[in-house]
Each structure stands twice: as C-alpha cells, then as structure tokens.
Amino acid sequence: SFGFRALKESWDITPSPYIRTVTAAELREITVTSLPAYTDSSVEIARRSLYAQHPALRQTGDNRRRWAELAGV
C-alpha cells in the first residue's frame, strides 16, 4: 500500500472509469498489508550480505564475524 501526494497529474475523462496518470509524486507512506489491492502483489525480506556492505569485517579477528555467521548473514 502506497500513500502519496500527487505533484503532477493528468486525467483522461473519456473512458469509464476515468484514468488518472501521476507523473510526479511525493511518497509519504509504504505499508505491507495482508489484503493487497492487486492479486499479483507480493513482498519478501531482502537478504543482504553483511560482508559485502562492510568488507573490513572479513579481516577482523574479533567476534563480529562469528556473530554474523550465527545470525545467518
């Protein structure tokens, strides 16, 4: 679910229902919902490598690497 404020938009009132086209918007809210408006909607948790984001962790000899392995990242 997205909450936004249209900054630039146009309307086509020829068809029914009308067609609104938003070409610029200010995004105010993103919410994961159990009842999406579109049946093809989906969401999943992103898995990112801690070591890819922080290469220095690969060389350290302290417990950070072990804790990251235990956490599954």
PDB file of N, CA and C in Angstrom:
ATOM      1  N   SER A   1       0.843  -1.172   0.000  1.00  0.00           N
ATOM      2  CA  SER A   1       0.000   0.000   0.000  1.00  0.00           C
ATOM      3  C   SER A   1       0.890   1.236   0.000  1.00  0.00           C
ATOM      4  N   PHE A   2       0.605   2.165  -0.885  1.00  0.00           N
ATOM      5  CA  PHE A   2       1.394   3.385  -1.009  1.00  0.00           C
ATOM      6  C   PHE A   2       0.529   4.596  -0.697  1.00  0.00           C
ATOM      7  N   GLY A   3       1.062   5.506   0.098  1.00  0.00           N
ATOM      8  CA  GLY A   3       0.407   6.782   0.342  1.00  0.00           C
ATOM      9  C   GLY A   3       1.262   7.868  -0.280  1.00  0.00           C
ATOM     10  N   PHE A   4       0.675   8.696  -1.121  1.00  0.00           N
ATOM     11  CA  PHE A   4       1.456   9.734  -1.796  1.00  0.00           C
ATOM     12  C   PHE A   4       0.611  10.969  -2.036  1.00  0.00           C
ATOM     13  N   ARG A   5       1.323  12.056  -2.341  1.00  0.00           N
ATOM     14  CA  ARG A   5       0.681  13.307  -2.748  1.00  0.00           C
ATOM     15  C   ARG A   5       1.104  13.562  -4.182  1.00  0.00           C
ATOM     16  N   ALA A   6       0.146  13.678  -5.076  1.00  0.00           N
ATOM     17  CA  ALA A   6       0.446  13.920  -6.485  1.00  0.00           C
ATOM     18  C   ALA A   6       0.969  15.339  -6.665  1.00  0.00           C
ATOM     19  N   LEU A   7       2.138  15.462  -7.273  1.00  0.00           N
ATOM     20  CA  LEU A   7       2.718  16.773  -7.566  1.00  0.00           C
ATOM     21  C   LEU A   7       2.395  17.203  -8.996  1.00  0.00           C
ATOM     22  N   LYS A   8       2.299  16.200  -9.885  1.00  0.00           N
ATOM     23  CA  LYS A   8       1.955  16.473 -11.278  1.00  0.00           C
ATOM     24  C   LYS A   8       1.085  15.315 -11.758  1.00  0.00           C
ATOM     25  N   GLU A   9      -0.091  15.649 -12.278  1.00  0.00           N
ATOM     26  CA  GLU A   9      -1.026  14.607 -12.693  1.00  0.00           C
ATOM     27  C   GLU A   9      -1.865  15.077 -13.870  1.00  0.00           C
ATOM     28  N   SER A  10      -2.485  14.122 -14.550  1.00  0.00           N
ATOM     29  CA  SER A  10      -3.434  14.444 -15.618  1.00  0.00           C
ATOM     30  C   SER A  10      -4.575  13.435 -15.549  1.00  0.00           C
ATOM     31  N   TRP A  11      -5.711  13.829 -16.098  1.00  0.00           N
ATOM     32  CA  TRP A  11      -6.898  12.977 -16.081  1.00  0.00           C
ATOM     33  C   TRP A  11      -7.403  12.771 -17.502  1.00  0.00           C
ATOM     34  N   ASP A  12      -7.794  11.550 -17.814  1.00  0.00           N
ATOM     35  CA  ASP A  12      -8.482  11.250 -19.069  1.00  0.00           C
ATOM     36  C   ASP A  12      -9.905  10.869 -18.681  1.00  0.00           C
ATOM     37  N   ILE A  13     -10.857  11.754 -18.994  1.00  0.00           N
ATOM     38  CA  ILE A  13     -12.247  11.505 -18.590  1.00  0.00           C
ATOM     39  C   ILE A  13     -13.079  10.904 -19.728  1.00  0.00           C
ATOM     40  N   THR A  14     -12.398  10.507 -20.821  1.00  0.00           N
ATOM     41  CA  THR A  14     -13.102   9.880 -21.936  1.00  0.00           C
ATOM     42  C   THR A  14     -13.618   8.487 -21.576  1.00  0.00           C
ATOM     43  N   PRO A  15     -12.766   7.605 -21.030  1.00  0.00           N
ATOM     44  CA  PRO A  15     -13.265   6.262 -20.696  1.00  0.00           C
ATOM     45  C   PRO A  15     -13.999   6.265 -19.359  1.00  0.00           C
ATOM     46  N   SER A  16     -14.635   5.153 -19.089  1.00  0.00           N
ATOM     47  CA  SER A  16     -15.246   4.979 -17.774  1.00  0.00           C
ATOM     48  C   SER A  16     -14.733   3.663 -17.213  1.00  0.00           C
ATOM     49  N   PRO A  17     -14.095   3.621 -16.103  1.00  0.00           N
ATOM     50  CA  PRO A  17     -13.839   4.739 -15.199  1.00  0.00           C
ATOM     51  C   PRO A  17     -12.737   5.649 -15.741  1.00  0.00           C
ATOM     52  N   TYR A  18     -12.658   6.842 -15.187  1.00  0.00           N
ATOM     53  CA  TYR A  18     -11.638   7.808 -15.585  1.00  0.00           C
ATOM     54  C   TYR A  18     -10.245   7.247 -15.309  1.00  0.00           C
ATOM     55  N   ILE A  19      -9.263   7.734 -16.087  1.00  0.00           N
ATOM     56  CA  ILE A  19      -7.876   7.307 -15.901  1.00  0.00           C
ATOM     57  C   ILE A  19      -7.060   8.486 -15.385  1.00  0.00           C
ATOM     58  N   ARG A  20      -6.454   8.300 -14.233  1.00  0.00           N
ATOM     59  CA  ARG A  20      -5.584   9.319 -13.629  1.00  0.00           C
ATOM     60  C   ARG A  20      -4.141   8.878 -13.849  1.00  0.00           C
ATOM     61  N   THR A  21      -3.308   9.767 -14.385  1.00  0.00           N
ATOM     62  CA  THR A  21      -1.896   9.479 -14.591  1.00  0.00           C
ATOM     63  C   THR A  21      -1.082  10.423 -13.723  1.00  0.00           C
ATOM     64  N   VAL A  22      -0.320   9.864 -12.791  1.00  0.00           N
ATOM     65  CA  VAL A  22       0.539  10.646 -11.903  1.00  0.00           C
ATOM     66  C   VAL A  22       1.957  10.548 -12.445  1.00  0.00           C
ATOM     67  N   THR A  23       2.560  11.698 -12.796  1.00  0.00           N
ATOM     68  CA  THR A  23       3.916  11.697 -13.352  1.00  0.00           C
ATOM     69  C   THR A  23       4.961  12.210 -12.366  1.00  0.00           C
ATOM     70  N   ALA A  24       4.531  12.794 -11.268  1.00  0.00           N
ATOM     71  CA  ALA A  24       5.445  13.216 -10.198  1.00  0.00           C
ATOM     72  C   ALA A  24       4.671  13.145  -8.887  1.00  0.00           C
ATOM     73  N   ALA A  25       5.330  12.574  -7.861  1.00  0.00           N
ATOM     74  CA  ALA A  25       4.629  12.395  -6.588  1.00  0.00           C
ATOM     75  C   ALA A  25       5.599  12.478  -5.425  1.00  0.00           C
ATOM     76  N   GLU A  26       5.058  12.811  -4.271  1.00  0.00           N
ATOM     77  CA  GLU A  26       5.809  12.793  -3.014  1.00  0.00           C
ATOM     78  C   GLU A  26       5.334  11.561  -2.245  1.00  0.00           C
ATOM     79  N   LEU A  27       6.229  10.588  -2.088  1.00  0.00           N
ATOM     80  CA  LEU A  27       5.889   9.356  -1.389  1.00  0.00           C
ATOM     81  C   LEU A  27       5.881   9.619   0.107  1.00  0.00           C
ATOM     82  N   ARG A  28       4.765   9.322   0.760  1.00  0.00           N
ATOM     83  CA  ARG A  28       4.628   9.603   2.191  1.00  0.00           C
ATOM     84  C   ARG A  28       4.548   8.349   3.043  1.00  0.00           C
ATOM     85  N   GLU A  29       4.136   7.228   2.473  1.00  0.00           N
ATOM     86  CA  GLU A  29       3.940   6.022   3.271  1.00  0.00           C
ATOM     87  C   GLU A  29       4.028   4.778   2.394  1.00  0.00           C
ATOM     88  N   ILE A  30       4.670   3.733   2.919  1.00  0.00           N
ATOM     89  CA  ILE A  30       4.656   2.406   2.311  1.00  0.00           C
ATOM     90  C   ILE A  30       4.285   1.436   3.423  1.00  0.00           C
ATOM     91  N   THR A  31       3.255   0.652   3.205  1.00  0.00           N
ATOM     92  CA  THR A  31       2.774  -0.274   4.226  1.00  0.00           C
ATOM     93  C   THR A  31       2.582  -1.658   3.627  1.00  0.00           C
ATOM     94  N   VAL A  32       3.087  -2.677   4.312  1.00  0.00           N
ATOM     95  CA  VAL A  32       2.810  -4.052   3.919  1.00  0.00           C
ATOM     96  C   VAL A  32       1.447  -4.411   4.499  1.00  0.00           C
ATOM     97  N   THR A  33       0.573  -4.933   3.645  1.00  0.00           N
ATOM     98  CA  THR A  33      -0.787  -5.245   4.077  1.00  0.00           C
ATOM     99  C   THR A  33      -1.141  -6.693   3.764  1.00  0.00           C
ATOM    100  N   SER A  34      -1.973  -7.287   4.564  1.00  0.00           N
ATOM    101  CA  SER A  34      -2.389  -8.672   4.322  1.00  0.00           C
ATOM    102  C   SER A  34      -3.492  -8.765   3.269  1.00  0.00           C
ATOM    103  N   LEU A  35      -4.090  -7.646   2.925  1.00  0.00           N
ATOM    104  CA  LEU A  35      -5.135  -7.613   1.899  1.00  0.00           C
ATOM    105  C   LEU A  35      -4.757  -6.608   0.810  1.00  0.00           C
ATOM    106  N   PRO A  36      -3.857  -7.007  -0.120  1.00  0.00           N
ATOM    107  CA  PRO A  36      -3.412  -6.062  -1.150  1.00  0.00           C
ATOM    108  C   PRO A  36      -4.518  -5.740  -2.153  1.00  0.00           C
ATOM    109  N   ALA A  37      -4.409  -4.589  -2.767  1.00  0.00           N
ATOM    110  CA  ALA A  37      -5.392  -4.159  -3.761  1.00  0.00           C
ATOM    111  C   ALA A  37      -5.256  -4.950  -5.062  1.00  0.00           C
ATOM    112  N   TYR A  38      -4.062  -5.475  -5.342  1.00  0.00           N
ATOM    113  CA  TYR A  38      -3.804  -6.204  -6.581  1.00  0.00           C
ATOM    114  C   TYR A  38      -3.409  -7.639  -6.254  1.00  0.00           C
ATOM    115  N   THR A  39      -4.024  -8.612  -6.924  1.00  0.00           N
ATOM    116  CA  THR A  39      -3.787 -10.025  -6.611  1.00  0.00           C
ATOM    117  C   THR A  39      -2.359 -10.467  -6.910  1.00  0.00           C
ATOM    118  N   ASP A  40      -1.663  -9.798  -7.820  1.00  0.00           N
ATOM    119  CA  ASP A  40      -0.283 -10.169  -8.150  1.00  0.00           C
ATOM    120  C   ASP A  40       0.739  -9.539  -7.211  1.00  0.00           C
ATOM    121  N   SER A  41       0.300  -8.813  -6.207  1.00  0.00           N
ATOM    122  CA  SER A  41       1.218  -8.170  -5.262  1.00  0.00           C
ATOM    123  C   SER A  41       1.920  -9.215  -4.410  1.00  0.00           C
ATOM    124  N   SER A  42       3.183  -8.930  -4.076  1.00  0.00           N
ATOM    125  CA  SER A  42       3.931  -9.814  -3.177  1.00  0.00           C
ATOM    126  C   SER A  42       5.004  -9.000  -2.473  1.00  0.00           C
ATOM    127  N   VAL A  43       5.535  -9.572  -1.393  1.00  0.00           N
ATOM    128  CA  VAL A  43       6.589  -8.922  -0.630  1.00  0.00           C
ATOM    129  C   VAL A  43       7.489 -10.010  -0.061  1.00  0.00           C
ATOM    130  N   GLU A  44       8.767  -9.707   0.091  1.00  0.00           N
ATOM    131  CA  GLU A  44       9.693 -10.651   0.707  1.00  0.00           C
ATOM    132  C   GLU A  44      10.800  -9.884   1.405  1.00  0.00           C
ATOM    133  N   ILE A  45      11.436 -10.540   2.341  1.00  0.00           N
ATOM    134  CA  ILE A  45      12.527  -9.925   3.091  1.00  0.00           C
ATOM    135  C   ILE A  45      13.789  -9.960   2.244  1.00  0.00           C
ATOM    136  N   ALA A  46      14.470  -8.837   2.146  1.00  0.00           N
ATOM    137  CA  ALA A  46      15.722  -8.767   1.398  1.00  0.00           C
ATOM    138  C   ALA A  46      16.846  -9.387   2.215  1.00  0.00           C
ATOM    139  N   ARG A  47      17.670 -10.201   1.554  1.00  0.00           N
ATOM    140  CA  ARG A  47      18.829 -10.792   2.225  1.00  0.00           C
ATOM    141  C   ARG A  47      20.067 -10.112   1.647  1.00  0.00           C
ATOM    142  N   ARG A  48      20.757  -9.425   2.489  1.00  0.00           N
ATOM    143  CA  ARG A  48      21.952  -8.707   2.064  1.00  0.00           C
ATOM    144  C   ARG A  48      23.147  -9.232   2.834  1.00  0.00           C
ATOM    145  N   SER A  49      24.270  -9.293   2.164  1.00  0.00           N
ATOM    146  CA  SER A  49      25.477  -9.785   2.801  1.00  0.00           C
ATOM    147  C   SER A  49      26.111  -8.692   3.654  1.00  0.00           C
ATOM    148  N   LEU A  50      26.304  -9.005   4.916  1.00  0.00           N
ATOM    149  CA  LEU A  50      26.973  -8.079   5.824  1.00  0.00           C
ATOM    150  C   LEU A  50      28.386  -7.795   5.330  1.00  0.00           C
ATOM    151  N   TYR A  51      29.062  -8.838   4.839  1.00  0.00           N
ATOM    152  CA  TYR A  51      30.443  -8.670   4.377  1.00  0.00           C
ATOM    153  C   TYR A  51      30.528  -7.865   3.082  1.00  0.00           C
ATOM    154  N   ALA A  52      29.510  -7.936   2.236  1.00  0.00           N
ATOM    155  CA  ALA A  52      29.513  -7.136   1.012  1.00  0.00           C
ATOM    156  C   ALA A  52      29.385  -5.655   1.346  1.00  0.00           C
ATOM    157  N   GLN A  53      28.610  -5.341   2.372  1.00  0.00           N
ATOM    158  CA  GLN A  53      28.424  -3.949   2.766  1.00  0.00           C
ATOM    159  C   GLN A  53      29.568  -3.430   3.625  1.00  0.00           C
ATOM    160  N   HIS A  54      30.241  -4.338   4.354  1.00  0.00           N
ATOM    161  CA  HIS A  54      31.325  -3.956   5.262  1.00  0.00           C
ATOM    162  C   HIS A  54      32.509  -4.905   5.078  1.00  0.00           C
ATOM    163  N   PRO A  55      33.290  -4.737   3.983  1.00  0.00           N
ATOM    164  CA  PRO A  55      34.400  -5.644   3.698  1.00  0.00           C
ATOM    165  C   PRO A  55      35.427  -5.732   4.827  1.00  0.00           C
ATOM    166  N   ALA A  56      35.560  -4.695   5.635  1.00  0.00           N
ATOM    167  CA  ALA A  56      36.548  -4.711   6.723  1.00  0.00           C
ATOM    168  C   ALA A  56      36.252  -5.815   7.734  1.00  0.00           C
ATOM    169  N   LEU A  57      35.008  -6.248   7.826  1.00  0.00           N
ATOM    170  CA  LEU A  57      34.661  -7.307   8.776  1.00  0.00           C
ATOM    171  C   LEU A  57      35.304  -8.641   8.406  1.00  0.00           C
ATOM    172  N   ARG A  58      35.634  -8.831   7.127  1.00  0.00           N
ATOM    173  CA  ARG A  58      36.251 -10.089   6.708  1.00  0.00           C
ATOM    174  C   ARG A  58      37.644 -10.257   7.288  1.00  0.00           C
ATOM    175  N   GLN A  59      38.337  -9.162   7.538  1.00  0.00           N
ATOM    176  CA  GLN A  59      39.704  -9.241   8.027  1.00  0.00           C
ATOM    177  C   GLN A  59      39.820  -9.172   9.548  1.00  0.00           C
ATOM    178  N   THR A  60      38.771  -8.853  10.223  1.00  0.00           N
ATOM    179  CA  THR A  60      38.890  -8.689  11.668  1.00  0.00           C
ATOM    180  C   THR A  60      38.931 -10.037  12.359  1.00  0.00           C
ATOM    181  N   GLY A  61      39.667 -10.104  13.439  1.00  0.00           N
ATOM    182  CA  GLY A  61      39.796 -11.338  14.189  1.00  0.00           C
ATOM    183  C   GLY A  61      38.906 -11.374  15.415  1.00  0.00           C
ATOM    184  N   ASP A  62      38.036 -10.389  15.558  1.00  0.00           N
ATOM    185  CA  ASP A  62      37.198 -10.352  16.757  1.00  0.00           C
ATOM    186  C   ASP A  62      35.904 -11.149  16.553  1.00  0.00           C
ATOM    187  N   ASN A  63      34.982 -11.014  17.446  1.00  0.00           N
ATOM    188  CA  ASN A  63      33.771 -11.826  17.439  1.00  0.00           C
ATOM    189  C   ASN A  63      32.699 -11.368  16.455  1.00  0.00           C
ATOM    190  N   ARG A  64      32.881 -10.228  15.795  1.00  0.00           N
ATOM    191  CA  ARG A  64      31.842  -9.746  14.888  1.00  0.00           C
ATOM    192  C   ARG A  64      31.565 -10.756  13.773  1.00  0.00           C
ATOM    193  N   ARG A  65      32.636 -11.342  13.225  1.00  0.00           N
ATOM    194  CA  ARG A  65      32.458 -12.311  12.143  1.00  0.00           C
ATOM    195  C   ARG A  65      31.681 -13.530  12.639  1.00  0.00           C
ATOM    196  N   ARG A  66      32.019 -14.040  13.809  1.00  0.00           N
ATOM    197  CA  ARG A  66      31.326 -15.213  14.359  1.00  0.00           C
ATOM    198  C   ARG A  66      29.851 -14.893  14.631  1.00  0.00           C
ATOM    199  N   TRP A  67      29.569 -13.721  15.179  1.00  0.00           N
ATOM    200  CA  TRP A  67      28.178 -13.341  15.445  1.00  0.00           C
ATOM    201  C   TRP A  67      27.397 -13.218  14.135  1.00  0.00           C
ATOM    202  N   ALA A  68      28.027 -12.703  13.092  1.00  0.00           N
ATOM    203  CA  ALA A  68      27.367 -12.589  11.790  1.00  0.00           C
ATOM    204  C   ALA A  68      27.060 -13.976  11.224  1.00  0.00           C
ATOM    205  N   GLU A  69      27.983 -14.916  11.368  1.00  0.00           N
ATOM    206  CA  GLU A  69      27.750 -16.283  10.901  1.00  0.00           C
ATOM    207  C   GLU A  69      26.591 -16.928  11.665  1.00  0.00           C
ATOM    208  N   LEU A  70      26.558 -16.731  12.966  1.00  0.00           N
ATOM    209  CA  LEU A  70      25.479 -17.293  13.780  1.00  0.00           C
ATOM    210  C   LEU A  70      24.122 -16.696  13.413  1.00  0.00           C
ATOM    211  N   ALA A  71      24.142 -15.428  12.999  1.00  0.00           N
ATOM    212  CA  ALA A  71      22.902 -14.750  12.613  1.00  0.00           C
ATOM    213  C   ALA A  71      22.453 -15.142  11.207  1.00  0.00           C
ATOM    214  N   GLY A  72      23.322 -15.842  10.467  1.00  0.00           N
ATOM    215  CA  GLY A  72      22.961 -16.282   9.122  1.00  0.00           C
ATOM    216  C   GLY A  72      23.143 -15.239   8.052  1.00  0.00           C
ATOM    217  N   VAL A  73      24.003 -14.256   8.318  1.00  0.00           N
ATOM    218  CA  VAL A  73      24.257 -13.226   7.298  1.00  0.00           C
ATOM    219  C   VAL A  73      25.668 -13.318   6.787  1.00  0.00           C
TER     220      VAL A  73
END
